[in-house]
């Protein structure tokens, strides 16, 4: 799947989605957050463009989420609710008046979205295990903040809650969103291959644990 994010969409508009979907399904990551009717109509427009997934903010409220999820189902488009951005930590939430940790707040928002009919959720890899336990297999987990290494010294950017692709999948993620580790690598193809190997290793480990459990 190819991601079309806000920066590319602002620059190129719907043409970016139409071009990307020639070869892959499109994850349209616009993080919609507005009054219910506006978001409902925007989700419908995303379906017109041919996107497979579009993101909305879980903090937009139950009615907004319910209307987005409803039109998404009608149009064959998955709506994914963004819980807490990976650039935020506990201190950022506190400064915004949220009296809860990132993990607790992400679960609260996910539950509101789930009860409104949303079945896909965006969270950091650090919340994936708890999110999987809370939502079960019905919830589809999408994790940005994926990095090539666990070394904090190599992960200095605006995303604070990060993990490797291996750790994200092992924690219960269904999809990982990978941008900078490939885009900014000296050899993007080699970087992509290494991340893919990490995903495969996590899947094999999960299969072995499942077999052992039986």
N, C-alpha and C. Protein backbone atom coordinates (compact mmCIF):
# COMPACT_ATOMS: atom_id res chain seq x y z
N UNK A 1 0.84 -1.18 0.00
CA UNK A 1 0.00 0.00 0.00
C UNK A 1 0.88 1.24 0.00
N UNK A 2 0.46 2.26 -0.73
CA UNK A 2 1.20 3.52 -0.78
C UNK A 2 0.46 4.58 0.03
N UNK A 3 1.21 5.34 0.81
CA UNK A 3 0.63 6.41 1.60
C UNK A 3 0.70 7.73 0.83
N UNK A 4 -0.43 8.42 0.78
CA UNK A 4 -0.47 9.80 0.32
C UNK A 4 -0.81 10.63 1.55
N UNK A 5 0.16 11.41 2.02
CA UNK A 5 -0.02 12.20 3.23
C UNK A 5 -0.42 13.63 2.93
N UNK A 6 -0.55 14.40 4.00
CA UNK A 6 -1.05 15.76 3.88
C UNK A 6 -0.17 16.63 3.00
N UNK A 7 1.14 16.52 3.16
CA UNK A 7 2.06 17.37 2.39
C UNK A 7 1.93 17.13 0.89
N UNK A 8 1.92 15.84 0.51
CA UNK A 8 1.79 15.51 -0.91
C UNK A 8 0.41 15.89 -1.43
N UNK A 9 -0.62 15.68 -0.61
CA UNK A 9 -1.97 15.98 -1.06
C UNK A 9 -2.16 17.49 -1.28
N UNK A 10 -1.57 18.30 -0.40
CA UNK A 10 -1.65 19.75 -0.58
C UNK A 10 -0.94 20.16 -1.87
N UNK A 11 0.19 19.51 -2.15
CA UNK A 11 0.97 19.87 -3.34
C UNK A 11 0.32 19.41 -4.64
N UNK A 12 -0.24 18.21 -4.64
CA UNK A 12 -0.69 17.61 -5.90
C UNK A 12 -2.18 17.28 -5.95
N UNK A 13 -2.85 17.33 -4.79
CA UNK A 13 -4.29 17.06 -4.76
C UNK A 13 -4.65 15.64 -5.13
N UNK A 14 -5.87 15.48 -5.66
CA UNK A 14 -6.37 14.15 -5.99
C UNK A 14 -5.54 13.42 -7.02
N UNK A 15 -4.77 14.16 -7.82
CA UNK A 15 -3.93 13.51 -8.83
C UNK A 15 -2.92 12.56 -8.19
N UNK A 16 -2.46 12.88 -6.97
CA UNK A 16 -1.51 12.01 -6.28
C UNK A 16 -2.15 10.67 -5.96
N UNK A 17 -3.39 10.70 -5.53
CA UNK A 17 -4.10 9.45 -5.21
C UNK A 17 -4.34 8.65 -6.49
N UNK A 18 -4.81 9.32 -7.51
CA UNK A 18 -5.11 8.61 -8.77
C UNK A 18 -3.86 8.00 -9.38
N UNK A 19 -2.73 8.69 -9.28
CA UNK A 19 -1.49 8.14 -9.82
C UNK A 19 -1.01 6.96 -8.99
N UNK A 20 -1.05 7.09 -7.66
CA UNK A 20 -0.57 6.01 -6.79
C UNK A 20 -1.40 4.75 -6.94
N UNK A 21 -2.72 4.91 -7.11
CA UNK A 21 -3.58 3.72 -7.15
C UNK A 21 -3.47 2.95 -8.46
N UNK A 22 -2.69 3.47 -9.39
CA UNK A 22 -2.43 2.70 -10.61
C UNK A 22 -1.65 1.43 -10.31
N UNK A 23 -0.86 1.46 -9.22
CA UNK A 23 -0.01 0.31 -8.91
C UNK A 23 -0.30 -0.31 -7.55
N UNK A 24 -0.86 0.46 -6.60
CA UNK A 24 -1.08 -0.05 -5.24
C UNK A 24 -2.35 0.54 -4.64
N UNK A 25 -2.94 -0.13 -3.64
CA UNK A 25 -3.99 0.52 -2.86
C UNK A 25 -3.40 1.75 -2.17
N UNK A 26 -4.25 2.73 -1.87
CA UNK A 26 -3.78 3.99 -1.32
C UNK A 26 -4.31 4.21 0.10
N UNK A 27 -3.37 4.54 0.98
CA UNK A 27 -3.65 4.95 2.36
C UNK A 27 -3.61 6.48 2.36
N UNK A 28 -4.79 7.11 2.40
CA UNK A 28 -4.88 8.56 2.32
C UNK A 28 -4.89 9.12 3.74
N UNK A 29 -3.74 9.62 4.16
CA UNK A 29 -3.53 10.01 5.56
C UNK A 29 -3.71 11.52 5.72
N UNK A 30 -4.97 11.95 5.81
CA UNK A 30 -5.28 13.37 5.92
C UNK A 30 -5.69 13.78 7.34
N UNK A 31 -5.95 12.80 8.20
CA UNK A 31 -6.32 13.07 9.60
C UNK A 31 -7.45 14.10 9.68
N UNK A 32 -8.55 13.79 9.06
CA UNK A 32 -9.70 14.70 9.01
C UNK A 32 -10.25 14.96 10.41
N UNK A 33 -10.52 16.22 10.69
CA UNK A 33 -11.05 16.61 12.00
C UNK A 33 -11.84 17.90 11.80
N UNK A 34 -13.16 17.77 11.75
CA UNK A 34 -14.01 18.93 11.48
C UNK A 34 -15.42 18.58 11.96
N UNK A 35 -16.39 19.42 11.65
CA UNK A 35 -17.76 19.12 12.04
C UNK A 35 -18.21 17.87 11.29
N UNK A 36 -19.18 17.12 11.86
CA UNK A 36 -19.55 15.82 11.29
C UNK A 36 -19.89 15.83 9.81
N UNK A 37 -20.70 16.80 9.36
CA UNK A 37 -21.10 16.80 7.96
C UNK A 37 -19.92 17.03 7.03
N UNK A 38 -19.01 17.90 7.42
CA UNK A 38 -17.84 18.17 6.58
C UNK A 38 -16.98 16.92 6.44
N UNK A 39 -16.73 16.23 7.55
CA UNK A 39 -15.92 15.02 7.50
C UNK A 39 -16.63 13.92 6.72
N UNK A 40 -17.93 13.80 6.92
CA UNK A 40 -18.71 12.80 6.17
C UNK A 40 -18.54 13.01 4.66
N UNK A 41 -18.67 14.24 4.23
CA UNK A 41 -18.55 14.54 2.80
C UNK A 41 -17.11 14.36 2.31
N UNK A 42 -16.14 14.71 3.16
CA UNK A 42 -14.74 14.54 2.78
C UNK A 42 -14.40 13.05 2.61
N UNK A 43 -14.93 12.21 3.48
CA UNK A 43 -14.71 10.76 3.35
C UNK A 43 -15.30 10.26 2.03
N UNK A 44 -16.47 10.77 1.68
CA UNK A 44 -17.09 10.38 0.41
C UNK A 44 -16.23 10.81 -0.77
N UNK A 45 -15.63 12.01 -0.68
CA UNK A 45 -14.74 12.47 -1.76
C UNK A 45 -13.49 11.59 -1.84
N UNK A 46 -12.99 11.13 -0.68
CA UNK A 46 -11.84 10.23 -0.69
C UNK A 46 -12.18 8.93 -1.40
N UNK A 47 -13.41 8.47 -1.21
CA UNK A 47 -13.85 7.27 -1.93
C UNK A 47 -13.92 7.52 -3.43
N UNK A 48 -14.37 8.72 -3.81
CA UNK A 48 -14.41 9.07 -5.24
C UNK A 48 -13.02 8.98 -5.87
N UNK A 49 -12.01 9.36 -5.09
CA UNK A 49 -10.64 9.33 -5.60
C UNK A 49 -10.09 7.91 -5.72
N UNK A 50 -10.71 6.97 -5.02
CA UNK A 50 -10.26 5.59 -5.08
C UNK A 50 -9.35 5.16 -3.96
N UNK A 51 -9.30 5.95 -2.87
CA UNK A 51 -8.48 5.55 -1.72
C UNK A 51 -9.05 4.29 -1.08
N UNK A 52 -8.20 3.51 -0.45
CA UNK A 52 -8.63 2.31 0.26
C UNK A 52 -8.85 2.57 1.74
N UNK A 53 -8.03 3.46 2.31
CA UNK A 53 -8.13 3.85 3.72
C UNK A 53 -8.00 5.36 3.80
N UNK A 54 -8.79 6.00 4.65
CA UNK A 54 -8.62 7.42 4.93
C UNK A 54 -8.63 7.60 6.44
N UNK A 55 -7.80 8.52 6.94
CA UNK A 55 -7.71 8.72 8.39
C UNK A 55 -8.53 9.92 8.84
N UNK A 56 -9.11 9.77 10.04
CA UNK A 56 -9.80 10.85 10.73
C UNK A 56 -9.27 10.88 12.16
N UNK A 57 -9.44 12.00 12.84
CA UNK A 57 -9.00 12.08 14.23
C UNK A 57 -10.08 11.50 15.15
N UNK A 58 -9.68 10.58 16.01
CA UNK A 58 -10.61 9.98 16.97
C UNK A 58 -11.16 11.02 17.94
N UNK A 59 -10.44 12.10 18.15
CA UNK A 59 -10.87 13.15 19.06
C UNK A 59 -11.96 14.04 18.45
N UNK A 60 -12.41 13.74 17.23
CA UNK A 60 -13.45 14.53 16.59
C UNK A 60 -14.83 14.32 17.15
N UNK A 61 -15.00 13.29 17.99
CA UNK A 61 -16.29 13.07 18.63
C UNK A 61 -17.08 11.93 18.00
N UNK A 62 -18.03 11.40 18.78
CA UNK A 62 -18.75 10.21 18.37
C UNK A 62 -19.55 10.42 17.08
N UNK A 63 -20.26 11.54 16.96
CA UNK A 63 -21.08 11.74 15.76
C UNK A 63 -20.22 11.84 14.52
N UNK A 64 -19.13 12.58 14.59
CA UNK A 64 -18.24 12.69 13.44
C UNK A 64 -17.72 11.31 13.04
N UNK A 65 -17.30 10.53 14.03
CA UNK A 65 -16.76 9.20 13.75
C UNK A 65 -17.82 8.28 13.16
N UNK A 66 -19.02 8.33 13.73
CA UNK A 66 -20.09 7.46 13.25
C UNK A 66 -20.47 7.78 11.81
N UNK A 67 -20.55 9.05 11.49
CA UNK A 67 -20.92 9.42 10.13
C UNK A 67 -19.81 9.09 9.13
N UNK A 68 -18.56 9.26 9.56
CA UNK A 68 -17.44 8.89 8.70
C UNK A 68 -17.43 7.39 8.45
N UNK A 69 -17.62 6.62 9.51
CA UNK A 69 -17.61 5.16 9.38
C UNK A 69 -18.77 4.68 8.50
N UNK A 70 -19.91 5.30 8.65
CA UNK A 70 -21.09 4.89 7.88
C UNK A 70 -20.89 5.12 6.39
N UNK A 71 -20.45 6.32 6.02
CA UNK A 71 -20.25 6.59 4.60
C UNK A 71 -19.09 5.77 4.05
N UNK A 72 -18.09 5.50 4.90
CA UNK A 72 -16.99 4.65 4.46
C UNK A 72 -17.47 3.26 4.10
N UNK A 73 -18.30 2.68 4.97
CA UNK A 73 -18.85 1.35 4.68
C UNK A 73 -19.67 1.36 3.40
N UNK A 74 -20.48 2.40 3.23
CA UNK A 74 -21.33 2.47 2.04
C UNK A 74 -20.51 2.59 0.76
N UNK A 75 -19.35 3.23 0.85
CA UNK A 75 -18.53 3.49 -0.33
C UNK A 75 -17.36 2.53 -0.48
N UNK A 76 -17.24 1.55 0.41
CA UNK A 76 -16.15 0.58 0.29
C UNK A 76 -14.80 1.13 0.68
N UNK A 77 -14.79 2.06 1.62
CA UNK A 77 -13.56 2.72 2.07
C UNK A 77 -13.41 2.51 3.57
N UNK A 78 -12.25 2.08 4.01
CA UNK A 78 -12.00 1.91 5.45
C UNK A 78 -11.62 3.25 6.07
N UNK A 79 -12.28 3.58 7.17
CA UNK A 79 -11.96 4.79 7.93
C UNK A 79 -11.11 4.38 9.13
N UNK A 80 -9.94 5.00 9.28
CA UNK A 80 -9.03 4.70 10.39
C UNK A 80 -8.98 5.89 11.33
N UNK A 81 -9.21 5.64 12.61
CA UNK A 81 -9.22 6.70 13.61
C UNK A 81 -7.83 6.87 14.22
N UNK A 82 -7.29 8.08 14.11
CA UNK A 82 -5.99 8.40 14.71
C UNK A 82 -6.21 8.70 16.19
N UNK A 83 -5.50 8.00 17.06
CA UNK A 83 -5.69 8.19 18.50
C UNK A 83 -4.82 9.34 19.00
N UNK A 84 -3.55 9.08 19.34
CA UNK A 84 -2.65 10.14 19.81
C UNK A 84 -1.44 10.18 18.88
N UNK A 85 -1.16 11.35 18.32
CA UNK A 85 -0.05 11.48 17.38
C UNK A 85 1.26 11.01 18.01
N UNK A 86 2.12 10.42 17.19
CA UNK A 86 3.40 9.89 17.70
C UNK A 86 4.35 10.99 18.14
N UNK A 87 4.05 12.24 17.79
CA UNK A 87 4.90 13.36 18.20
C UNK A 87 4.60 13.83 19.63
N UNK A 88 3.58 13.25 20.26
CA UNK A 88 3.16 13.68 21.59
C UNK A 88 3.57 12.66 22.65
N UNK A 89 3.84 13.17 23.86
CA UNK A 89 4.08 12.30 25.01
C UNK A 89 3.20 12.76 26.16
N UNK A 90 3.40 12.16 27.33
CA UNK A 90 2.55 12.47 28.48
C UNK A 90 2.56 13.96 28.83
N UNK A 91 3.74 14.57 28.74
CA UNK A 91 3.83 15.99 29.11
C UNK A 91 3.06 16.87 28.12
N UNK A 92 3.03 16.49 26.86
CA UNK A 92 2.27 17.26 25.87
C UNK A 92 0.77 17.17 26.16
N UNK A 93 0.32 15.98 26.52
CA UNK A 93 -1.10 15.84 26.85
C UNK A 93 -1.46 16.65 28.09
N UNK A 94 -0.60 16.60 29.09
CA UNK A 94 -0.85 17.36 30.31
C UNK A 94 -0.95 18.85 30.01
N UNK A 95 -0.06 19.35 29.17
CA UNK A 95 -0.07 20.77 28.81
C UNK A 95 -1.35 21.15 28.08
N UNK A 96 -1.97 20.17 27.39
CA UNK A 96 -3.22 20.42 26.66
C UNK A 96 -4.45 20.18 27.52
N UNK A 97 -4.23 19.84 28.81
CA UNK A 97 -5.36 19.65 29.71
C UNK A 97 -5.88 18.23 29.78
N UNK A 98 -5.14 17.27 29.23
CA UNK A 98 -5.56 15.87 29.28
C UNK A 98 -4.94 15.22 30.50
N UNK A 99 -5.75 14.81 31.43
CA UNK A 99 -5.26 14.25 32.69
C UNK A 99 -5.17 12.73 32.59
N UNK A 100 -4.33 12.26 31.68
CA UNK A 100 -4.14 10.82 31.48
C UNK A 100 -2.85 10.61 30.71
N UNK A 101 -2.28 9.44 30.84
CA UNK A 101 -1.10 9.09 30.08
C UNK A 101 -1.48 8.87 28.62
N UNK A 102 -0.48 8.86 27.76
CA UNK A 102 -0.74 8.60 26.35
C UNK A 102 -1.45 7.27 26.16
N UNK A 103 -0.96 6.24 26.85
CA UNK A 103 -1.56 4.91 26.68
C UNK A 103 -3.02 4.89 27.07
N UNK A 104 -3.35 5.50 28.20
CA UNK A 104 -4.74 5.52 28.67
C UNK A 104 -5.61 6.33 27.73
N UNK A 105 -5.12 7.49 27.32
CA UNK A 105 -5.91 8.36 26.45
C UNK A 105 -6.13 7.72 25.08
N UNK A 106 -5.11 7.07 24.54
CA UNK A 106 -5.25 6.40 23.24
C UNK A 106 -6.33 5.33 23.30
N UNK A 107 -6.35 4.57 24.39
CA UNK A 107 -7.37 3.53 24.53
C UNK A 107 -8.76 4.13 24.67
N UNK A 108 -8.88 5.22 25.40
CA UNK A 108 -10.18 5.90 25.53
C UNK A 108 -10.70 6.33 24.17
N UNK A 109 -9.84 6.98 23.39
CA UNK A 109 -10.25 7.46 22.08
C UNK A 109 -10.60 6.29 21.15
N UNK A 110 -9.82 5.23 21.21
CA UNK A 110 -10.10 4.07 20.38
C UNK A 110 -11.44 3.45 20.72
N UNK A 111 -11.77 3.38 22.00
CA UNK A 111 -13.05 2.81 22.42
C UNK A 111 -14.22 3.66 21.92
N UNK A 112 -14.08 4.98 21.99
CA UNK A 112 -15.13 5.86 21.46
C UNK A 112 -15.33 5.60 19.97
N UNK A 113 -14.21 5.51 19.24
CA UNK A 113 -14.29 5.29 17.80
C UNK A 113 -14.87 3.91 17.49
N UNK A 114 -14.45 2.90 18.24
CA UNK A 114 -14.95 1.53 18.03
C UNK A 114 -16.46 1.49 18.23
N UNK A 115 -16.93 2.12 19.31
CA UNK A 115 -18.36 2.13 19.60
C UNK A 115 -19.15 2.91 18.56
N UNK A 116 -18.47 3.82 17.84
CA UNK A 116 -19.11 4.59 16.77
C UNK A 116 -19.11 3.85 15.44
N UNK A 117 -18.48 2.68 15.39
CA UNK A 117 -18.48 1.88 14.17
C UNK A 117 -17.17 1.83 13.42
N UNK A 118 -16.14 2.52 13.91
CA UNK A 118 -14.82 2.47 13.27
C UNK A 118 -14.13 1.15 13.63
N UNK A 119 -13.42 0.60 12.67
CA UNK A 119 -12.74 -0.67 12.94
C UNK A 119 -11.25 -0.65 12.60
N UNK A 120 -10.72 0.49 12.21
CA UNK A 120 -9.28 0.63 11.98
C UNK A 120 -8.76 1.78 12.83
N UNK A 121 -7.56 1.61 13.38
CA UNK A 121 -7.05 2.55 14.38
C UNK A 121 -5.57 2.81 14.14
N UNK A 122 -5.18 4.07 14.31
CA UNK A 122 -3.78 4.45 14.19
C UNK A 122 -3.26 4.76 15.59
N UNK A 123 -2.20 4.05 15.97
CA UNK A 123 -1.56 4.27 17.27
C UNK A 123 -0.08 4.03 17.11
N UNK A 124 0.72 4.47 18.07
CA UNK A 124 2.14 4.18 18.00
C UNK A 124 2.37 2.71 18.33
N UNK A 125 3.52 2.15 17.93
CA UNK A 125 3.82 0.76 18.29
C UNK A 125 3.78 0.52 19.79
N UNK A 126 4.02 1.55 20.58
CA UNK A 126 4.07 1.38 22.02
C UNK A 126 2.70 1.13 22.63
N UNK A 127 1.62 1.49 21.93
CA UNK A 127 0.27 1.21 22.42
C UNK A 127 -0.36 -0.01 21.76
N UNK A 128 0.33 -0.62 20.81
CA UNK A 128 -0.29 -1.66 20.00
C UNK A 128 -0.74 -2.87 20.82
N UNK A 129 0.08 -3.32 21.75
CA UNK A 129 -0.29 -4.51 22.52
C UNK A 129 -1.54 -4.27 23.35
N UNK A 130 -1.60 -3.12 24.04
CA UNK A 130 -2.77 -2.80 24.85
C UNK A 130 -4.00 -2.59 23.96
N UNK A 131 -3.80 -1.98 22.80
CA UNK A 131 -4.90 -1.75 21.88
C UNK A 131 -5.45 -3.08 21.35
N UNK A 132 -4.55 -4.00 21.05
CA UNK A 132 -4.99 -5.31 20.58
C UNK A 132 -5.80 -6.03 21.66
N UNK A 133 -5.35 -5.95 22.88
CA UNK A 133 -6.07 -6.59 23.99
C UNK A 133 -7.45 -5.96 24.17
N UNK A 134 -7.52 -4.65 24.04
CA UNK A 134 -8.78 -3.92 24.23
C UNK A 134 -9.78 -4.19 23.11
N UNK A 135 -9.31 -4.22 21.85
CA UNK A 135 -10.20 -4.28 20.71
C UNK A 135 -10.36 -5.67 20.12
N UNK A 136 -9.46 -6.59 20.47
CA UNK A 136 -9.53 -7.93 19.91
C UNK A 136 -9.10 -7.94 18.45
N UNK A 137 -9.38 -9.04 17.78
CA UNK A 137 -8.95 -9.19 16.40
C UNK A 137 -9.79 -8.37 15.43
N UNK A 138 -10.93 -7.86 15.88
CA UNK A 138 -11.78 -7.08 15.00
C UNK A 138 -11.15 -5.73 14.66
N UNK A 139 -10.32 -5.23 15.57
CA UNK A 139 -9.67 -3.95 15.33
C UNK A 139 -8.44 -4.11 14.44
N UNK A 140 -8.33 -3.27 13.42
CA UNK A 140 -7.17 -3.25 12.54
C UNK A 140 -6.24 -2.16 13.03
N UNK A 141 -5.01 -2.52 13.37
CA UNK A 141 -4.07 -1.58 13.96
C UNK A 141 -3.01 -1.14 12.94
N UNK A 142 -2.87 0.16 12.81
CA UNK A 142 -1.91 0.77 11.88
C UNK A 142 -0.94 1.59 12.71
N UNK A 143 0.36 1.29 12.61
CA UNK A 143 1.34 1.94 13.46
C UNK A 143 2.38 2.74 12.67
N UNK A 144 2.32 4.07 12.79
CA UNK A 144 3.43 4.89 12.30
C UNK A 144 4.54 4.90 13.35
N UNK A 145 5.53 5.77 13.19
CA UNK A 145 6.62 5.82 14.16
C UNK A 145 7.53 4.62 14.08
N UNK A 146 7.61 4.00 12.90
CA UNK A 146 8.45 2.80 12.73
C UNK A 146 9.84 3.24 12.28
N UNK A 147 10.84 2.68 12.93
CA UNK A 147 12.23 3.02 12.66
C UNK A 147 13.03 1.76 12.34
N UNK A 148 14.18 1.95 11.75
CA UNK A 148 15.01 0.82 11.33
C UNK A 148 15.78 0.20 12.49
N UNK A 149 15.94 0.94 13.57
CA UNK A 149 16.77 0.48 14.68
C UNK A 149 16.15 0.86 16.01
N UNK A 150 16.54 0.16 17.06
CA UNK A 150 16.09 0.51 18.41
C UNK A 150 16.96 1.58 19.06
N UNK A 151 18.04 1.96 18.41
CA UNK A 151 19.00 2.90 19.00
C UNK A 151 18.40 4.31 19.04
N UNK A 152 18.14 4.87 20.24
CA UNK A 152 17.54 6.20 20.33
C UNK A 152 18.39 7.27 19.66
N UNK A 153 19.71 7.09 19.64
CA UNK A 153 20.59 8.10 19.04
C UNK A 153 20.37 8.23 17.54
N UNK A 154 19.81 7.19 16.93
CA UNK A 154 19.58 7.20 15.49
C UNK A 154 18.15 7.60 15.14
N UNK A 155 17.36 7.93 16.14
CA UNK A 155 15.94 8.22 15.91
C UNK A 155 15.57 9.61 16.41
N UNK A 156 16.38 10.59 16.10
CA UNK A 156 16.14 11.95 16.58
C UNK A 156 15.31 12.72 15.56
N UNK A 157 14.02 12.78 15.79
CA UNK A 157 13.14 13.60 14.98
C UNK A 157 11.92 13.95 15.82
N UNK A 158 10.83 14.38 15.19
CA UNK A 158 9.69 14.87 15.96
C UNK A 158 8.75 13.76 16.42
N UNK A 159 9.03 12.52 16.08
CA UNK A 159 8.22 11.41 16.57
C UNK A 159 8.85 10.87 17.85
N UNK A 160 8.09 10.89 18.93
CA UNK A 160 8.62 10.53 20.24
C UNK A 160 8.37 9.08 20.63
N UNK A 161 7.31 8.49 20.11
CA UNK A 161 6.94 7.12 20.49
C UNK A 161 7.14 6.23 19.27
N UNK A 162 8.33 5.60 19.21
CA UNK A 162 8.73 4.85 18.03
C UNK A 162 9.15 3.43 18.41
N UNK A 163 9.28 2.59 17.40
CA UNK A 163 9.77 1.22 17.58
C UNK A 163 10.17 0.69 16.21
N UNK A 164 10.79 -0.48 16.19
CA UNK A 164 11.12 -1.12 14.92
C UNK A 164 9.87 -1.77 14.33
N UNK A 165 9.93 -2.07 13.04
CA UNK A 165 8.83 -2.78 12.39
C UNK A 165 8.61 -4.14 13.04
N UNK A 166 9.71 -4.82 13.37
CA UNK A 166 9.61 -6.12 14.04
C UNK A 166 8.83 -5.99 15.34
N UNK A 167 9.17 -5.00 16.16
CA UNK A 167 8.51 -4.84 17.45
C UNK A 167 7.05 -4.43 17.29
N UNK A 168 6.76 -3.62 16.27
CA UNK A 168 5.38 -3.20 16.03
C UNK A 168 4.50 -4.39 15.67
N UNK A 169 4.96 -5.22 14.75
CA UNK A 169 4.19 -6.40 14.36
C UNK A 169 4.07 -7.37 15.52
N UNK A 170 5.15 -7.55 16.25
CA UNK A 170 5.15 -8.47 17.38
C UNK A 170 4.18 -8.02 18.47
N UNK A 171 3.92 -6.70 18.53
CA UNK A 171 3.01 -6.16 19.53
C UNK A 171 1.55 -6.19 19.09
N UNK A 172 1.32 -6.58 17.84
CA UNK A 172 -0.07 -6.71 17.39
C UNK A 172 -0.48 -5.85 16.22
N UNK A 173 0.44 -5.08 15.64
CA UNK A 173 0.09 -4.23 14.51
C UNK A 173 -0.24 -5.06 13.28
N UNK A 174 -1.21 -4.60 12.50
CA UNK A 174 -1.54 -5.22 11.21
C UNK A 174 -0.77 -4.56 10.07
N UNK A 175 -0.58 -3.25 10.18
CA UNK A 175 0.16 -2.49 9.18
C UNK A 175 1.18 -1.59 9.88
N UNK A 176 2.31 -1.39 9.23
CA UNK A 176 3.26 -0.38 9.70
C UNK A 176 3.39 0.70 8.64
N UNK A 177 3.51 1.94 9.09
CA UNK A 177 3.69 3.07 8.18
C UNK A 177 5.16 3.47 8.24
N UNK A 178 5.83 3.38 7.11
CA UNK A 178 7.27 3.64 7.06
C UNK A 178 7.54 4.73 6.03
N UNK A 179 8.12 5.83 6.47
CA UNK A 179 8.44 6.92 5.56
C UNK A 179 9.91 7.25 5.58
N UNK A 180 10.31 8.04 6.58
CA UNK A 180 11.68 8.55 6.65
C UNK A 180 12.78 7.49 6.64
N UNK A 181 12.61 6.34 7.33
CA UNK A 181 13.69 5.35 7.31
C UNK A 181 14.03 4.84 5.91
N UNK A 182 13.05 4.90 5.01
CA UNK A 182 13.32 4.51 3.62
C UNK A 182 13.65 5.73 2.78
N UNK A 183 12.83 6.76 2.89
CA UNK A 183 13.02 7.96 2.08
C UNK A 183 14.38 8.60 2.27
N UNK A 184 14.85 8.66 3.52
CA UNK A 184 16.09 9.36 3.83
C UNK A 184 17.32 8.46 3.87
N UNK A 185 17.14 7.18 3.59
CA UNK A 185 18.27 6.25 3.64
C UNK A 185 19.21 6.47 2.46
N UNK A 186 20.49 6.18 2.67
CA UNK A 186 21.47 6.28 1.57
C UNK A 186 21.12 5.30 0.46
N UNK A 187 20.59 4.13 0.84
CA UNK A 187 20.15 3.12 -0.11
C UNK A 187 18.71 2.75 0.25
N UNK A 188 17.72 3.43 -0.31
CA UNK A 188 16.32 3.18 0.06
C UNK A 188 15.86 1.74 -0.16
N UNK A 189 16.33 1.13 -1.24
CA UNK A 189 15.91 -0.26 -1.50
C UNK A 189 16.42 -1.18 -0.41
N UNK A 190 17.69 -1.04 -0.04
CA UNK A 190 18.25 -1.87 1.02
C UNK A 190 17.53 -1.63 2.34
N UNK A 191 17.19 -0.38 2.63
CA UNK A 191 16.47 -0.06 3.86
C UNK A 191 15.10 -0.72 3.88
N UNK A 192 14.40 -0.68 2.73
CA UNK A 192 13.09 -1.31 2.64
C UNK A 192 13.18 -2.82 2.84
N UNK A 193 14.22 -3.42 2.26
CA UNK A 193 14.41 -4.87 2.40
C UNK A 193 14.64 -5.25 3.86
N UNK A 194 15.45 -4.46 4.57
CA UNK A 194 15.73 -4.77 5.97
C UNK A 194 14.47 -4.65 6.83
N UNK A 195 13.65 -3.64 6.55
CA UNK A 195 12.41 -3.49 7.30
C UNK A 195 11.47 -4.65 7.00
N UNK A 196 11.41 -5.06 5.74
CA UNK A 196 10.57 -6.20 5.37
C UNK A 196 11.04 -7.48 6.06
N UNK A 197 12.35 -7.64 6.19
CA UNK A 197 12.87 -8.81 6.89
C UNK A 197 12.46 -8.79 8.36
N UNK A 198 12.46 -7.61 8.97
CA UNK A 198 12.03 -7.50 10.35
C UNK A 198 10.57 -7.90 10.52
N UNK A 199 9.73 -7.48 9.58
CA UNK A 199 8.31 -7.85 9.62
C UNK A 199 8.15 -9.36 9.48
N UNK A 200 8.86 -9.95 8.53
CA UNK A 200 8.78 -11.39 8.32
C UNK A 200 9.24 -12.16 9.55
N UNK A 201 10.32 -11.70 10.17
CA UNK A 201 10.83 -12.38 11.37
C UNK A 201 9.79 -12.33 12.50
N UNK A 202 9.12 -11.19 12.65
CA UNK A 202 8.09 -11.08 13.69
C UNK A 202 6.92 -12.00 13.39
N UNK A 203 6.52 -12.08 12.13
CA UNK A 203 5.41 -12.96 11.76
C UNK A 203 5.76 -14.42 12.02
N UNK A 204 6.99 -14.82 11.69
CA UNK A 204 7.41 -16.20 11.94
C UNK A 204 7.43 -16.50 13.44
N UNK A 205 7.90 -15.55 14.24
CA UNK A 205 7.93 -15.74 15.69
C UNK A 205 6.52 -15.89 16.25
N UNK A 206 5.58 -15.10 15.72
CA UNK A 206 4.18 -15.20 16.16
C UNK A 206 3.59 -16.56 15.79
N UNK A 207 3.92 -17.01 14.59
CA UNK A 207 3.42 -18.34 14.15
C UNK A 207 3.97 -19.43 15.06
N UNK A 208 5.26 -19.32 15.43
CA UNK A 208 5.83 -20.35 16.29
C UNK A 208 5.18 -20.34 17.68
N UNK A 209 4.89 -19.14 18.20
CA UNK A 209 4.23 -19.06 19.50
C UNK A 209 2.81 -19.62 19.43
N UNK A 210 2.12 -19.34 18.33
CA UNK A 210 0.77 -19.86 18.17
C UNK A 210 0.77 -21.38 18.08
N UNK A 211 1.75 -21.94 17.35
CA UNK A 211 1.86 -23.39 17.25
C UNK A 211 2.19 -24.02 18.59
N UNK A 212 3.09 -23.39 19.32
CA UNK A 212 3.45 -23.91 20.64
C UNK A 212 2.27 -23.86 21.60
N UNK A 213 1.41 -22.85 21.41
CA UNK A 213 0.25 -22.71 22.29
C UNK A 213 -0.80 -23.77 22.07
N UNK A 214 -0.83 -24.33 20.85
CA UNK A 214 -1.79 -25.38 20.56
C UNK A 214 -1.27 -26.73 21.06
